[in-house]
Amino acid sequence: MASFTGVEMASRLPVISAEAIAPANYLNQPVTVVEQVLTGTFADGLGNVMRVPDRIDFDPFPWQSFAIWILTQMKRWGQIKGDVDYKAVAEQVYLATDTAKLMKEVGLAPPATSSKSFKVMGKEFDPAKPDDYLKSFAIKRV
């Protein structure tokens, strides 16, 4: 594996991420297209190259709290029936430990935890209380 400084690796992270998620088993898109989305450098179709680094808010860390949120939505709309051990599923699918190890190997500091609270459309989500979040919706199929 090539050796990069932290700054060099940070600049290469969108390229590495694009190569990882572009294949058919993920996004099924050309690497170049995904790289343009992740870096914010893209052709605008009018002959100009746009440089909008904050075009998307990309965080390559597999936050297990995001997996828990996705599961609440699947349960909300009837795609999952019965009780769900949200945390256990998130830990099995979003491999934060492996990612943290890889981040350290390339000189990046991983987050101290694999879960965090966040807002979705103005509604606070606490990954420690997924059922409370789920019950807070007036519209649901559960």
N, C-alpha and C. Protein backbone atom coordinates (compact mmCIF):
# COMPACT_ATOMS: atom_id res chain seq x y z
N MET A 1 0.84 -1.18 0.00
CA MET A 1 0.00 0.00 0.00
C MET A 1 0.88 1.24 0.00
N ALA A 2 0.50 2.23 -0.78
CA ALA A 2 1.25 3.47 -0.85
C ALA A 2 1.17 4.19 0.49
N SER A 3 2.19 4.99 0.77
CA SER A 3 2.22 5.73 2.02
C SER A 3 1.84 7.18 1.74
N PHE A 4 0.85 7.70 2.47
CA PHE A 4 0.37 9.05 2.29
C PHE A 4 0.40 9.79 3.62
N THR A 5 0.63 11.10 3.58
CA THR A 5 0.48 11.90 4.78
C THR A 5 -1.00 12.04 5.06
N GLY A 6 -1.35 12.51 6.26
CA GLY A 6 -2.76 12.70 6.59
C GLY A 6 -3.47 13.62 5.62
N VAL A 7 -2.79 14.71 5.21
CA VAL A 7 -3.39 15.67 4.28
C VAL A 7 -3.57 15.02 2.91
N GLU A 8 -2.55 14.29 2.45
CA GLU A 8 -2.66 13.61 1.15
C GLU A 8 -3.79 12.57 1.19
N MET A 9 -3.89 11.84 2.29
CA MET A 9 -4.93 10.82 2.39
C MET A 9 -6.31 11.47 2.44
N ALA A 10 -6.43 12.57 3.16
CA ALA A 10 -7.72 13.26 3.21
C ALA A 10 -8.15 13.71 1.82
N SER A 11 -7.18 14.15 1.00
CA SER A 11 -7.52 14.57 -0.35
C SER A 11 -7.84 13.39 -1.24
N ARG A 12 -7.30 12.21 -0.93
CA ARG A 12 -7.56 11.00 -1.72
C ARG A 12 -8.80 10.25 -1.25
N LEU A 13 -9.30 10.57 -0.07
CA LEU A 13 -10.43 9.82 0.50
C LEU A 13 -11.64 9.78 -0.42
N PRO A 14 -12.05 10.90 -1.05
CA PRO A 14 -13.20 10.80 -1.97
C PRO A 14 -12.94 9.87 -3.15
N VAL A 15 -11.71 9.83 -3.64
CA VAL A 15 -11.36 8.96 -4.77
C VAL A 15 -11.43 7.51 -4.33
N ILE A 16 -10.85 7.21 -3.19
CA ILE A 16 -10.87 5.85 -2.65
C ILE A 16 -12.31 5.43 -2.38
N SER A 17 -13.10 6.34 -1.79
CA SER A 17 -14.50 6.04 -1.50
C SER A 17 -15.28 5.80 -2.78
N ALA A 18 -15.03 6.62 -3.81
CA ALA A 18 -15.72 6.47 -5.09
C ALA A 18 -15.43 5.10 -5.68
N GLU A 19 -14.19 4.67 -5.62
CA GLU A 19 -13.82 3.36 -6.15
C GLU A 19 -14.51 2.24 -5.38
N ALA A 20 -14.74 2.45 -4.09
CA ALA A 20 -15.35 1.43 -3.26
C ALA A 20 -16.86 1.32 -3.47
N ILE A 21 -17.53 2.46 -3.70
CA ILE A 21 -19.00 2.43 -3.76
C ILE A 21 -19.59 2.53 -5.16
N ALA A 22 -18.75 2.73 -6.17
CA ALA A 22 -19.26 2.86 -7.53
C ALA A 22 -19.75 1.54 -8.16
N PRO A 23 -19.17 0.38 -7.82
CA PRO A 23 -19.57 -0.87 -8.50
C PRO A 23 -21.06 -1.19 -8.40
N ALA A 24 -21.46 -2.13 -9.23
CA ALA A 24 -22.88 -2.52 -9.36
C ALA A 24 -23.50 -2.97 -8.04
N ASN A 25 -22.72 -3.57 -7.16
CA ASN A 25 -23.29 -4.05 -5.90
C ASN A 25 -23.58 -2.92 -4.90
N TYR A 26 -23.19 -1.68 -5.26
CA TYR A 26 -23.52 -0.52 -4.43
C TYR A 26 -24.33 0.49 -5.25
N LEU A 27 -23.64 1.39 -5.95
CA LEU A 27 -24.33 2.45 -6.69
C LEU A 27 -24.52 2.17 -8.17
N ASN A 28 -23.70 1.28 -8.73
CA ASN A 28 -23.77 0.94 -10.15
C ASN A 28 -23.59 2.20 -11.02
N GLN A 29 -22.56 2.95 -10.70
CA GLN A 29 -22.26 4.19 -11.42
C GLN A 29 -20.78 4.22 -11.78
N PRO A 30 -20.43 4.97 -12.83
CA PRO A 30 -19.00 5.11 -13.17
C PRO A 30 -18.26 5.79 -12.01
N VAL A 31 -17.03 5.34 -11.76
CA VAL A 31 -16.22 5.91 -10.69
C VAL A 31 -16.11 7.43 -10.85
N THR A 32 -15.91 7.89 -12.06
CA THR A 32 -15.75 9.33 -12.32
C THR A 32 -16.96 10.13 -11.83
N VAL A 33 -18.14 9.61 -12.08
CA VAL A 33 -19.36 10.31 -11.65
C VAL A 33 -19.43 10.38 -10.13
N VAL A 34 -19.17 9.28 -9.47
CA VAL A 34 -19.22 9.25 -8.01
C VAL A 34 -18.14 10.16 -7.43
N GLU A 35 -16.96 10.13 -8.01
CA GLU A 35 -15.87 10.99 -7.56
C GLU A 35 -16.26 12.47 -7.69
N GLN A 36 -16.90 12.83 -8.79
CA GLN A 36 -17.33 14.21 -8.98
C GLN A 36 -18.35 14.63 -7.92
N VAL A 37 -19.24 13.73 -7.58
CA VAL A 37 -20.23 14.03 -6.54
C VAL A 37 -19.53 14.22 -5.19
N LEU A 38 -18.60 13.33 -4.87
CA LEU A 38 -17.94 13.38 -3.57
C LEU A 38 -16.99 14.57 -3.43
N THR A 39 -16.34 14.97 -4.51
CA THR A 39 -15.39 16.09 -4.44
C THR A 39 -16.04 17.43 -4.70
N GLY A 40 -17.20 17.44 -5.35
CA GLY A 40 -17.85 18.70 -5.69
C GLY A 40 -17.23 19.37 -6.90
N THR A 41 -16.38 18.67 -7.65
CA THR A 41 -15.79 19.19 -8.88
C THR A 41 -16.43 18.45 -10.04
N PHE A 42 -17.18 19.20 -10.88
CA PHE A 42 -17.96 18.55 -11.92
C PHE A 42 -18.23 19.53 -13.06
N ALA A 43 -18.49 18.98 -14.23
CA ALA A 43 -18.88 19.79 -15.38
C ALA A 43 -20.34 20.15 -15.23
N ASP A 44 -20.69 21.43 -15.52
CA ASP A 44 -22.06 21.86 -15.35
C ASP A 44 -22.93 21.67 -16.59
N GLY A 45 -22.35 21.12 -17.65
CA GLY A 45 -23.11 20.88 -18.87
C GLY A 45 -23.14 22.08 -19.79
N LEU A 46 -22.54 23.19 -19.36
CA LEU A 46 -22.50 24.41 -20.17
C LEU A 46 -21.07 24.79 -20.53
N GLY A 47 -20.16 23.83 -20.34
CA GLY A 47 -18.75 24.08 -20.67
C GLY A 47 -17.92 24.58 -19.51
N ASN A 48 -18.50 24.67 -18.34
CA ASN A 48 -17.77 25.15 -17.16
C ASN A 48 -17.49 23.99 -16.22
N VAL A 49 -16.41 24.11 -15.47
CA VAL A 49 -16.12 23.15 -14.40
C VAL A 49 -16.45 23.84 -13.09
N MET A 50 -17.36 23.26 -12.37
CA MET A 50 -17.80 23.82 -11.08
C MET A 50 -16.96 23.20 -9.97
N ARG A 51 -16.64 24.02 -8.98
CA ARG A 51 -15.93 23.55 -7.79
C ARG A 51 -16.75 23.96 -6.57
N VAL A 52 -17.54 23.01 -6.09
CA VAL A 52 -18.43 23.25 -4.95
C VAL A 52 -18.15 22.15 -3.92
N PRO A 53 -17.07 22.30 -3.14
CA PRO A 53 -16.65 21.22 -2.24
C PRO A 53 -17.69 20.82 -1.20
N ASP A 54 -18.59 21.73 -0.85
CA ASP A 54 -19.61 21.39 0.14
C ASP A 54 -20.96 21.09 -0.51
N ARG A 55 -20.91 20.65 -1.76
CA ARG A 55 -22.14 20.32 -2.51
C ARG A 55 -22.95 19.25 -1.78
N ILE A 56 -22.27 18.26 -1.26
CA ILE A 56 -22.94 17.25 -0.43
C ILE A 56 -22.19 17.16 0.89
N ASP A 57 -22.87 16.68 1.89
CA ASP A 57 -22.26 16.48 3.20
C ASP A 57 -21.91 15.00 3.29
N PHE A 58 -20.68 14.68 2.93
CA PHE A 58 -20.27 13.28 2.87
C PHE A 58 -19.45 12.92 4.08
N ASP A 59 -19.83 11.87 4.75
CA ASP A 59 -19.09 11.37 5.90
C ASP A 59 -18.89 9.87 5.67
N PRO A 60 -17.66 9.46 5.36
CA PRO A 60 -17.43 8.06 5.01
C PRO A 60 -17.49 7.09 6.19
N PHE A 61 -17.68 7.59 7.40
CA PHE A 61 -17.74 6.69 8.56
C PHE A 61 -19.11 6.02 8.63
N PRO A 62 -19.14 4.71 8.87
CA PRO A 62 -20.43 3.99 8.95
C PRO A 62 -21.08 4.15 10.32
N TRP A 63 -21.70 5.29 10.54
CA TRP A 63 -22.34 5.56 11.82
C TRP A 63 -23.47 4.54 12.05
N GLN A 64 -23.35 3.77 13.11
CA GLN A 64 -24.36 2.76 13.41
C GLN A 64 -25.71 3.41 13.73
N SER A 65 -25.68 4.64 14.20
CA SER A 65 -26.93 5.36 14.46
C SER A 65 -27.71 5.58 13.16
N PHE A 66 -27.02 5.73 12.04
CA PHE A 66 -27.71 5.88 10.75
C PHE A 66 -28.41 4.57 10.39
N ALA A 67 -27.75 3.44 10.66
CA ALA A 67 -28.38 2.14 10.41
C ALA A 67 -29.63 1.99 11.26
N ILE A 68 -29.55 2.42 12.50
CA ILE A 68 -30.70 2.32 13.40
C ILE A 68 -31.84 3.19 12.86
N TRP A 69 -31.52 4.40 12.39
CA TRP A 69 -32.56 5.27 11.82
C TRP A 69 -33.21 4.61 10.61
N ILE A 70 -32.40 4.04 9.72
CA ILE A 70 -32.94 3.36 8.53
C ILE A 70 -33.88 2.24 8.96
N LEU A 71 -33.49 1.48 9.96
CA LEU A 71 -34.34 0.39 10.46
C LEU A 71 -35.66 0.92 11.02
N THR A 72 -35.63 2.08 11.71
CA THR A 72 -36.89 2.63 12.22
C THR A 72 -37.83 2.98 11.07
N GLN A 73 -37.26 3.47 9.98
CA GLN A 73 -38.11 3.82 8.83
C GLN A 73 -38.65 2.56 8.15
N MET A 74 -37.84 1.52 8.10
CA MET A 74 -38.31 0.25 7.52
C MET A 74 -39.45 -0.31 8.37
N LYS A 75 -39.32 -0.20 9.68
CA LYS A 75 -40.39 -0.67 10.56
C LYS A 75 -41.61 0.24 10.44
N ARG A 76 -41.38 1.54 10.37
CA ARG A 76 -42.48 2.51 10.25
C ARG A 76 -43.36 2.20 9.04
N TRP A 77 -42.75 1.80 7.94
CA TRP A 77 -43.50 1.58 6.70
C TRP A 77 -43.82 0.11 6.45
N GLY A 78 -43.66 -0.73 7.48
CA GLY A 78 -44.11 -2.12 7.38
C GLY A 78 -43.16 -3.07 6.67
N GLN A 79 -41.94 -2.63 6.42
CA GLN A 79 -40.98 -3.53 5.76
C GLN A 79 -40.34 -4.49 6.75
N ILE A 80 -40.43 -4.18 8.03
CA ILE A 80 -39.94 -5.05 9.11
C ILE A 80 -41.10 -5.26 10.07
N LYS A 81 -41.35 -6.49 10.45
CA LYS A 81 -42.43 -6.82 11.39
C LYS A 81 -41.82 -7.27 12.72
N GLY A 82 -42.53 -7.05 13.80
CA GLY A 82 -42.12 -7.54 15.10
C GLY A 82 -41.02 -6.71 15.75
N ASP A 83 -40.47 -7.27 16.82
CA ASP A 83 -39.43 -6.58 17.56
C ASP A 83 -38.12 -6.60 16.77
N VAL A 84 -37.37 -5.53 16.92
CA VAL A 84 -36.09 -5.40 16.23
C VAL A 84 -35.01 -5.04 17.24
N ASP A 85 -33.92 -5.77 17.22
CA ASP A 85 -32.76 -5.40 18.03
C ASP A 85 -31.92 -4.47 17.16
N TYR A 86 -32.32 -3.20 17.15
CA TYR A 86 -31.72 -2.21 16.26
C TYR A 86 -30.19 -2.17 16.39
N LYS A 87 -29.73 -2.11 17.62
CA LYS A 87 -28.29 -1.98 17.88
C LYS A 87 -27.52 -3.18 17.33
N ALA A 88 -28.03 -4.38 17.57
CA ALA A 88 -27.34 -5.59 17.12
C ALA A 88 -27.26 -5.64 15.58
N VAL A 89 -28.35 -5.29 14.92
CA VAL A 89 -28.35 -5.28 13.45
C VAL A 89 -27.36 -4.24 12.95
N ALA A 90 -27.38 -3.05 13.54
CA ALA A 90 -26.48 -1.98 13.12
C ALA A 90 -25.02 -2.40 13.27
N GLU A 91 -24.69 -3.06 14.37
CA GLU A 91 -23.32 -3.49 14.61
C GLU A 91 -22.87 -4.56 13.61
N GLN A 92 -23.80 -5.41 13.18
CA GLN A 92 -23.46 -6.47 12.22
C GLN A 92 -23.29 -5.94 10.80
N VAL A 93 -24.01 -4.86 10.47
CA VAL A 93 -24.01 -4.36 9.10
C VAL A 93 -23.06 -3.18 8.91
N TYR A 94 -23.08 -2.23 9.82
CA TYR A 94 -22.21 -1.05 9.72
C TYR A 94 -20.95 -1.33 10.55
N LEU A 95 -19.91 -1.74 9.89
CA LEU A 95 -18.70 -2.24 10.56
C LEU A 95 -17.79 -1.10 11.01
N ALA A 96 -18.21 -0.40 12.03
CA ALA A 96 -17.48 0.76 12.53
C ALA A 96 -16.09 0.38 13.06
N THR A 97 -15.97 -0.78 13.68
CA THR A 97 -14.69 -1.21 14.22
C THR A 97 -13.67 -1.40 13.11
N ASP A 98 -14.08 -2.05 12.03
CA ASP A 98 -13.18 -2.25 10.89
C ASP A 98 -12.79 -0.92 10.27
N THR A 99 -13.76 -0.02 10.14
CA THR A 99 -13.49 1.29 9.55
C THR A 99 -12.53 2.08 10.43
N ALA A 100 -12.73 2.05 11.73
CA ALA A 100 -11.85 2.77 12.65
C ALA A 100 -10.42 2.25 12.51
N LYS A 101 -10.27 0.95 12.40
CA LYS A 101 -8.93 0.36 12.23
C LYS A 101 -8.28 0.86 10.94
N LEU A 102 -9.03 0.84 9.85
CA LEU A 102 -8.50 1.30 8.57
C LEU A 102 -8.16 2.79 8.60
N MET A 103 -8.99 3.58 9.25
CA MET A 103 -8.71 5.02 9.36
C MET A 103 -7.40 5.25 10.09
N LYS A 104 -7.18 4.52 11.18
CA LYS A 104 -5.93 4.66 11.94
C LYS A 104 -4.73 4.28 11.08
N GLU A 105 -4.88 3.23 10.27
CA GLU A 105 -3.78 2.78 9.41
C GLU A 105 -3.34 3.85 8.42
N VAL A 106 -4.26 4.71 7.99
CA VAL A 106 -3.91 5.75 7.02
C VAL A 106 -3.73 7.11 7.68
N GLY A 107 -3.65 7.13 9.01
CA GLY A 107 -3.35 8.36 9.72
C GLY A 107 -4.52 9.26 10.02
N LEU A 108 -5.75 8.73 9.92
CA LEU A 108 -6.93 9.52 10.24
C LEU A 108 -7.45 9.13 11.61
N ALA A 109 -8.04 10.07 12.30
CA ALA A 109 -8.58 9.80 13.64
C ALA A 109 -10.06 9.42 13.53
N PRO A 110 -10.39 8.19 13.90
CA PRO A 110 -11.80 7.78 13.86
C PRO A 110 -12.57 8.41 15.02
N PRO A 111 -13.88 8.51 14.88
CA PRO A 111 -14.70 9.03 15.99
C PRO A 111 -14.57 8.12 17.21
N ALA A 112 -14.79 8.68 18.37
CA ALA A 112 -14.68 7.92 19.62
C ALA A 112 -15.84 6.95 19.80
N THR A 113 -16.95 7.21 19.15
CA THR A 113 -18.13 6.37 19.26
C THR A 113 -18.69 6.09 17.87
N SER A 114 -19.49 5.07 17.73
CA SER A 114 -20.06 4.72 16.42
C SER A 114 -21.50 5.17 16.28
N SER A 115 -21.96 5.97 17.25
CA SER A 115 -23.35 6.39 17.24
C SER A 115 -23.44 7.85 17.68
N LYS A 116 -24.40 8.55 17.10
CA LYS A 116 -24.61 9.95 17.49
C LYS A 116 -26.06 10.32 17.20
N SER A 117 -26.54 11.32 17.92
CA SER A 117 -27.88 11.86 17.66
C SER A 117 -27.79 12.82 16.49
N PHE A 118 -28.89 12.97 15.77
CA PHE A 118 -28.93 13.89 14.64
C PHE A 118 -30.37 14.24 14.35
N LYS A 119 -30.57 15.21 13.46
CA LYS A 119 -31.92 15.62 13.08
C LYS A 119 -32.21 15.20 11.66
N VAL A 120 -33.44 14.75 11.44
CA VAL A 120 -33.92 14.42 10.11
C VAL A 120 -35.20 15.24 9.91
N MET A 121 -35.16 16.14 8.95
CA MET A 121 -36.29 17.02 8.67
C MET A 121 -36.80 17.70 9.94
N GLY A 122 -35.86 18.16 10.76
CA GLY A 122 -36.20 18.91 11.97
C GLY A 122 -36.55 18.08 13.18
N LYS A 123 -36.62 16.76 13.02
CA LYS A 123 -36.98 15.88 14.13
C LYS A 123 -35.72 15.21 14.68
N GLU A 124 -35.50 15.38 15.98
CA GLU A 124 -34.31 14.82 16.63
C GLU A 124 -34.41 13.30 16.71
N PHE A 125 -33.32 12.63 16.35
CA PHE A 125 -33.25 11.18 16.44
C PHE A 125 -32.20 10.80 17.46
N ASP A 126 -32.61 10.05 18.49
CA ASP A 126 -31.70 9.53 19.50
C ASP A 126 -31.59 8.03 19.27
N PRO A 127 -30.42 7.56 18.82
CA PRO A 127 -30.28 6.13 18.51
C PRO A 127 -30.46 5.21 19.72
N ALA A 128 -30.39 5.76 20.92
CA ALA A 128 -30.62 4.95 22.12
C ALA A 128 -32.12 4.73 22.37
N LYS A 129 -32.98 5.51 21.66
CA LYS A 129 -34.43 5.41 21.85
C LYS A 129 -35.15 5.30 20.52
N PRO A 130 -34.84 4.28 19.71
CA PRO A 130 -35.45 4.19 18.39
C PRO A 130 -36.96 3.99 18.42
N ASP A 131 -37.46 3.25 19.39
CA ASP A 131 -38.91 3.02 19.44
C ASP A 131 -39.67 4.29 19.80
N ASP A 132 -39.08 5.15 20.65
CA ASP A 132 -39.71 6.43 20.97
C ASP A 132 -39.80 7.29 19.71
N TYR A 133 -38.74 7.29 18.93
CA TYR A 133 -38.72 8.04 17.68
C TYR A 133 -39.80 7.51 16.74
N LEU A 134 -39.86 6.21 16.62
CA LEU A 134 -40.85 5.58 15.74
C LEU A 134 -42.28 5.93 16.17
N LYS A 135 -42.53 5.90 17.47
CA LYS A 135 -43.88 6.22 17.99
C LYS A 135 -44.25 7.68 17.82
N SER A 136 -43.27 8.55 17.58
CA SER A 136 -43.53 9.99 17.50
C SER A 136 -44.17 10.41 16.17
N PHE A 137 -44.27 9.50 15.21
CA PHE A 137 -44.84 9.84 13.91
C PHE A 137 -46.35 9.58 13.90
N ALA A 138 -47.09 10.56 13.42
CA ALA A 138 -48.54 10.40 13.27
C ALA A 138 -48.85 9.52 12.07
N ILE A 139 -48.03 9.59 11.05
CA ILE A 139 -48.24 8.80 9.84
C ILE A 139 -47.27 7.63 9.82
N LYS A 140 -47.83 6.43 9.79
CA LYS A 140 -47.00 5.23 9.76
C LYS A 140 -47.87 4.03 9.38
N ARG A 141 -47.22 2.95 9.06
CA ARG A 141 -47.92 1.74 8.67
C ARG A 141 -47.80 0.66 9.73
N VAL A 142 -47.04 0.92 10.79
CA VAL A 142 -46.76 -0.07 11.83
C VAL A 142 -48.04 -0.57 12.46
